[in-house]
Amino acid sequence: MPWSSAHRGIDIATSSTEVVAPDSGEVTFVGVVVDRPVITIRHSDGLVSSLEPVSSDLAVGDTVSQGQLVGELSDESPHCAAQCVHWGVRKLNAWQIGATTRDLYIDPAFLLGWTEPSVLWPIHSDPTF
């Protein structure tokens, strides 16, 4: 459910430590969330991307272009068993709950052309296709 805790985004395996902007936009956050470095970029279409664990020298208010280097993967706070970057995307103020408006998380895989729903597997399973 949208109000439940969950893994909101996708993990993208990478052999590089360089992280680039998924789209052009303005940096709205650079800092640590819980125990991981995060950079957040607001795009012109109203979507907001958050990338972690990413250490960045950029500052809030900086503008970035699609594909521009925005930071480096941090090995101090690994997110996956293998090297990866977590990409979360949300629409600002797009979910109405009574009189309250909240951000609505969307699946970034759809922005990459994925058309199927995500399937969650039990933690100790070994899915085969």
C-alpha atoms as a PDB file:
ATOM      1  CA  MET A   1       0.000   0.000   0.000  1.00  0.00           C
ATOM      2  CA  PRO A   2       1.255   3.528  -0.695  1.00  0.00           C
ATOM      3  CA  TRP A   3       1.329   4.349   3.012  1.00  0.00           C
ATOM      4  CA  SER A   4       3.309   1.250   4.022  1.00  0.00           C
ATOM      5  CA  SER A   5       7.063   1.096   4.401  1.00  0.00           C
ATOM      6  CA  ALA A   6       8.748  -0.463   1.396  1.00  0.00           C
ATOM      7  CA  HIS A   7      11.640  -0.369  -1.022  1.00  0.00           C
ATOM      8  CA  ARG A   8      10.460   2.465  -3.279  1.00  0.00           C
ATOM      9  CA  GLY A   9      12.554   2.442  -6.419  1.00  0.00           C
ATOM     10  CA  ILE A  10      14.907   0.165  -8.294  1.00  0.00           C
ATOM     11  CA  ASP A  11      18.472  -0.964  -7.736  1.00  0.00           C
ATOM     12  CA  ILE A  12      20.678  -0.716 -10.820  1.00  0.00           C
ATOM     13  CA  ALA A  13      23.838  -2.834 -10.838  1.00  0.00           C
ATOM     14  CA  THR A  14      26.886  -1.008 -12.139  1.00  0.00           C
ATOM     15  CA  SER A  15      30.573  -1.647 -12.664  1.00  0.00           C
ATOM     16  CA  SER A  16      31.330   2.079 -12.376  1.00  0.00           C
ATOM     17  CA  THR A  17      31.280   4.225  -9.266  1.00  0.00           C
ATOM     18  CA  GLU A  18      30.236   7.296 -11.282  1.00  0.00           C
ATOM     19  CA  VAL A  19      26.557   8.265 -11.040  1.00  0.00           C
ATOM     20  CA  VAL A  20      24.920  10.478 -13.661  1.00  0.00           C
ATOM     21  CA  ALA A  21      21.687  12.467 -13.709  1.00  0.00           C
ATOM     22  CA  PRO A  22      18.781  10.474 -15.185  1.00  0.00           C
ATOM     23  CA  ASP A  23      17.363  13.746 -16.565  1.00  0.00           C
ATOM     24  CA  SER A  24      18.100  17.469 -16.404  1.00  0.00           C
ATOM     25  CA  GLY A  25      16.972  19.349 -13.328  1.00  0.00           C
ATOM     26  CA  GLU A  26      17.797  21.205 -10.132  1.00  0.00           C
ATOM     27  CA  VAL A  27      19.484  19.659  -7.115  1.00  0.00           C
ATOM     28  CA  THR A  28      17.087  19.934  -4.154  1.00  0.00           C
ATOM     29  CA  PHE A  29      18.906  17.808  -1.561  1.00  0.00           C
ATOM     30  CA  VAL A  30      22.442  16.607  -0.909  1.00  0.00           C
ATOM     31  CA  GLY A  31      23.073  14.909   2.398  1.00  0.00           C
ATOM     32  CA  VAL A  32      22.677  11.835   4.546  1.00  0.00           C
ATOM     33  CA  VAL A  33      19.356  10.064   5.085  1.00  0.00           C
ATOM     34  CA  VAL A  34      19.527   7.599   7.986  1.00  0.00           C
ATOM     35  CA  ASP A  35      23.001   6.199   7.205  1.00  0.00           C
ATOM     36  CA  ARG A  36      23.430   6.763   3.435  1.00  0.00           C
ATOM     37  CA  PRO A  37      24.411   9.705   1.272  1.00  0.00           C
ATOM     38  CA  VAL A  38      21.624  10.835  -1.072  1.00  0.00           C
ATOM     39  CA  ILE A  39      21.270  13.344  -3.893  1.00  0.00           C
ATOM     40  CA  THR A  40      17.832  14.488  -5.063  1.00  0.00           C
ATOM     41  CA  ILE A  41      17.074  16.207  -8.370  1.00  0.00           C
ATOM     42  CA  ARG A  42      13.780  17.919  -9.344  1.00  0.00           C
ATOM     43  CA  HIS A  43      13.093  17.640 -13.075  1.00  0.00           C
ATOM     44  CA  SER A  44      11.116  20.049 -15.276  1.00  0.00           C
ATOM     45  CA  ASP A  45       8.300  17.505 -15.736  1.00  0.00           C
ATOM     46  CA  GLY A  46       7.594  17.618 -11.988  1.00  0.00           C
ATOM     47  CA  LEU A  47       9.246  14.296 -11.162  1.00  0.00           C
ATOM     48  CA  VAL A  48      11.878  14.057  -8.431  1.00  0.00           C
ATOM     49  CA  SER A  49      14.739  11.529  -8.576  1.00  0.00           C
ATOM     50  CA  SER A  50      16.669  10.400  -5.505  1.00  0.00           C
ATOM     51  CA  LEU A  51      19.912   8.465  -5.927  1.00  0.00           C
ATOM     52  CA  GLU A  52      21.704   6.565  -3.152  1.00  0.00           C
ATOM     53  CA  PRO A  53      24.236   5.804  -1.778  1.00  0.00           C
ATOM     54  CA  VAL A  54      25.763   8.696  -3.703  1.00  0.00           C
ATOM     55  CA  SER A  55      28.295  11.189  -2.366  1.00  0.00           C
ATOM     56  CA  SER A  56      28.240  14.465  -4.271  1.00  0.00           C
ATOM     57  CA  ASP A  57      30.073  17.784  -4.313  1.00  0.00           C
ATOM     58  CA  LEU A  58      27.020  19.488  -5.819  1.00  0.00           C
ATOM     59  CA  ALA A  59      24.919  21.892  -3.741  1.00  0.00           C
ATOM     60  CA  VAL A  60      21.206  22.577  -3.441  1.00  0.00           C
ATOM     61  CA  GLY A  61      20.237  24.910  -6.280  1.00  0.00           C
ATOM     62  CA  ASP A  62      22.823  23.589  -8.754  1.00  0.00           C
ATOM     63  CA  THR A  63      21.413  22.642 -12.142  1.00  0.00           C
ATOM     64  CA  VAL A  64      22.425  19.439 -13.898  1.00  0.00           C
ATOM     65  CA  SER A  65      21.993  18.097 -17.419  1.00  0.00           C
ATOM     66  CA  GLN A  66      20.863  14.602 -18.323  1.00  0.00           C
ATOM     67  CA  GLY A  67      23.907  12.315 -18.220  1.00  0.00           C
ATOM     68  CA  GLN A  68      26.012  14.763 -16.197  1.00  0.00           C
ATOM     69  CA  LEU A  69      28.137  13.290 -13.426  1.00  0.00           C
ATOM     70  CA  VAL A  70      26.367  14.046 -10.117  1.00  0.00           C
ATOM     71  CA  GLY A  71      28.414  11.971  -7.707  1.00  0.00           C
ATOM     72  CA  GLU A  72      30.170   8.745  -6.796  1.00  0.00           C
ATOM     73  CA  LEU A  73      28.808   5.573  -5.237  1.00  0.00           C
ATOM     74  CA  SER A  74      29.706   5.457  -1.575  1.00  0.00           C
ATOM     75  CA  ASP A  75      31.236   2.240  -0.323  1.00  0.00           C
ATOM     76  CA  GLU A  76      30.729   3.371   3.279  1.00  0.00           C
ATOM     77  CA  SER A  77      27.036   2.511   3.090  1.00  0.00           C
ATOM     78  CA  PRO A  78      26.488  -0.265   0.562  1.00  0.00           C
ATOM     79  CA  HIS A  79      22.885  -0.637  -0.549  1.00  0.00           C
ATOM     80  CA  CYS A  80      23.145  -3.977  -2.379  1.00  0.00           C
ATOM     81  CA  ALA A  81      25.220  -7.144  -2.092  1.00  0.00           C
ATOM     82  CA  ALA A  82      26.793  -6.160  -5.449  1.00  0.00           C
ATOM     83  CA  GLN A  83      27.700  -2.578  -6.410  1.00  0.00           C
ATOM     84  CA  CYS A  84      24.514  -0.693  -7.313  1.00  0.00           C
ATOM     85  CA  VAL A  85      22.745   2.634  -7.217  1.00  0.00           C
ATOM     86  CA  HIS A  86      19.208   2.928  -5.862  1.00  0.00           C
ATOM     87  CA  TRP A  87      16.946   5.186  -7.969  1.00  0.00           C
ATOM     88  CA  GLY A  88      13.684   6.376  -6.465  1.00  0.00           C
ATOM     89  CA  VAL A  89      11.207   8.617  -8.312  1.00  0.00           C
ATOM     90  CA  ARG A  90       8.195  10.491  -7.005  1.00  0.00           C
ATOM     91  CA  LYS A  91       5.627  13.028  -8.139  1.00  0.00           C
ATOM     92  CA  LEU A  92       5.358  15.935  -5.732  1.00  0.00           C
ATOM     93  CA  ASN A  93       1.970  16.459  -4.071  1.00  0.00           C
ATOM     94  CA  ALA A  94       0.277  13.929  -6.374  1.00  0.00           C
ATOM     95  CA  TRP A  95      -1.515  11.775  -3.803  1.00  0.00           C
ATOM     96  CA  GLN A  96      -4.553  13.072  -1.934  1.00  0.00           C
ATOM     97  CA  ILE A  97      -5.420  11.519   1.451  1.00  0.00           C
ATOM     98  CA  GLY A  98      -8.462  13.331   2.771  1.00  0.00           C
ATOM     99  CA  ALA A  99      -7.335  16.934   3.201  1.00  0.00           C
ATOM    100  CA  THR A 100      -3.645  15.958   3.074  1.00  0.00           C
ATOM    101  CA  THR A 101      -1.503  15.948  -0.056  1.00  0.00           C
ATOM    102  CA  ARG A 102       1.544  13.672  -0.217  1.00  0.00           C
ATOM    103  CA  ASP A 103       4.217  12.730  -2.733  1.00  0.00           C
ATOM    104  CA  LEU A 104       3.404   9.687  -4.876  1.00  0.00           C
ATOM    105  CA  TYR A 105       6.225   7.235  -5.580  1.00  0.00           C
ATOM    106  CA  ILE A 106       6.341   5.734  -9.050  1.00  0.00           C
ATOM    107  CA  ASP A 107       8.325   2.805 -10.426  1.00  0.00           C
ATOM    108  CA  PRO A 108      11.397   4.217 -12.239  1.00  0.00           C
ATOM    109  CA  ALA A 109      11.503   1.101 -14.417  1.00  0.00           C
ATOM    110  CA  PHE A 110       8.531   2.512 -16.357  1.00  0.00           C
ATOM    111  CA  LEU A 111      10.684   5.533 -17.259  1.00  0.00           C
ATOM    112  CA  LEU A 112      13.192   3.098 -18.782  1.00  0.00           C
ATOM    113  CA  GLY A 113      10.532   1.452 -20.945  1.00  0.00           C
ATOM    114  CA  TRP A 114       9.540  -1.413 -18.631  1.00  0.00           C
ATOM    115  CA  THR A 115       5.852  -2.212 -19.070  1.00  0.00           C
ATOM    116  CA  GLU A 116       5.292  -5.112 -16.677  1.00  0.00           C
ATOM    117  CA  PRO A 117       4.462  -4.788 -12.961  1.00  0.00           C
ATOM    118  CA  SER A 118       7.206  -5.553 -10.455  1.00  0.00           C
ATOM    119  CA  VAL A 119       6.986  -8.919  -8.724  1.00  0.00           C
ATOM    120  CA  LEU A 120       8.114  -9.283  -5.128  1.00  0.00           C
ATOM    121  CA  TRP A 121       9.589 -12.624  -4.084  1.00  0.00           C
ATOM    122  CA  PRO A 122       9.864 -13.927  -0.514  1.00  0.00           C
ATOM    123  CA  ILE A 123      13.249 -13.165   1.036  1.00  0.00           C
ATOM    124  CA  HIS A 124      14.425 -16.776   1.179  1.00  0.00           C
ATOM    125  CA  SER A 125      13.181 -17.889  -2.238  1.00  0.00           C
ATOM    126  CA  ASP A 126      15.032 -18.762  -5.412  1.00  0.00           C
ATOM    127  CA  PRO A 127      12.699 -17.814  -8.255  1.00  0.00           C
ATOM    128  CA  THR A 128      13.251 -19.610 -11.543  1.00  0.00           C
ATOM    129  CA  PHE A 129      11.638 -18.708 -14.809  1.00  0.00           C
END
